[in-house]
Amino acid sequence: MAFSKMHVTRLIHLCEILGASPIAMIAETAPHLFGKTRLEAETRAQAIAALEQLPEAMVALLLPLLQTLQNQPGHSSKDAEIPATNLSGRVGRL
């Protein structure tokens, strides 16, 4: 029986050869690192994948918004949920 350990350097090399995202590979093999539920993990992985595809200038524009959202009172934890009914009001205040 042959086996091989996947080290970070091998993961990076594999991603370079395949043109794949290391984040996408990790999200697929270890979704529990991205959320408590399957839906949360998929949503976070999709958000990261979308960010990876954006040009640098757009990511630079989004970063302050993401940091502001991250620092909202009562929503500093990644486990915090934003009620959908209040979302439009909160986004409007930003």
Foldseek 3Di string as FASTA:
>chain_A
DDDDDCDPVNLVVVCVVVVHDSLLVCCVVPLVVQDPDPVSSVVSSVVVVVLVPDDPVVNVVCVVVVVVQCPPPPRVDPPDDDDPVCVVVVVVVD
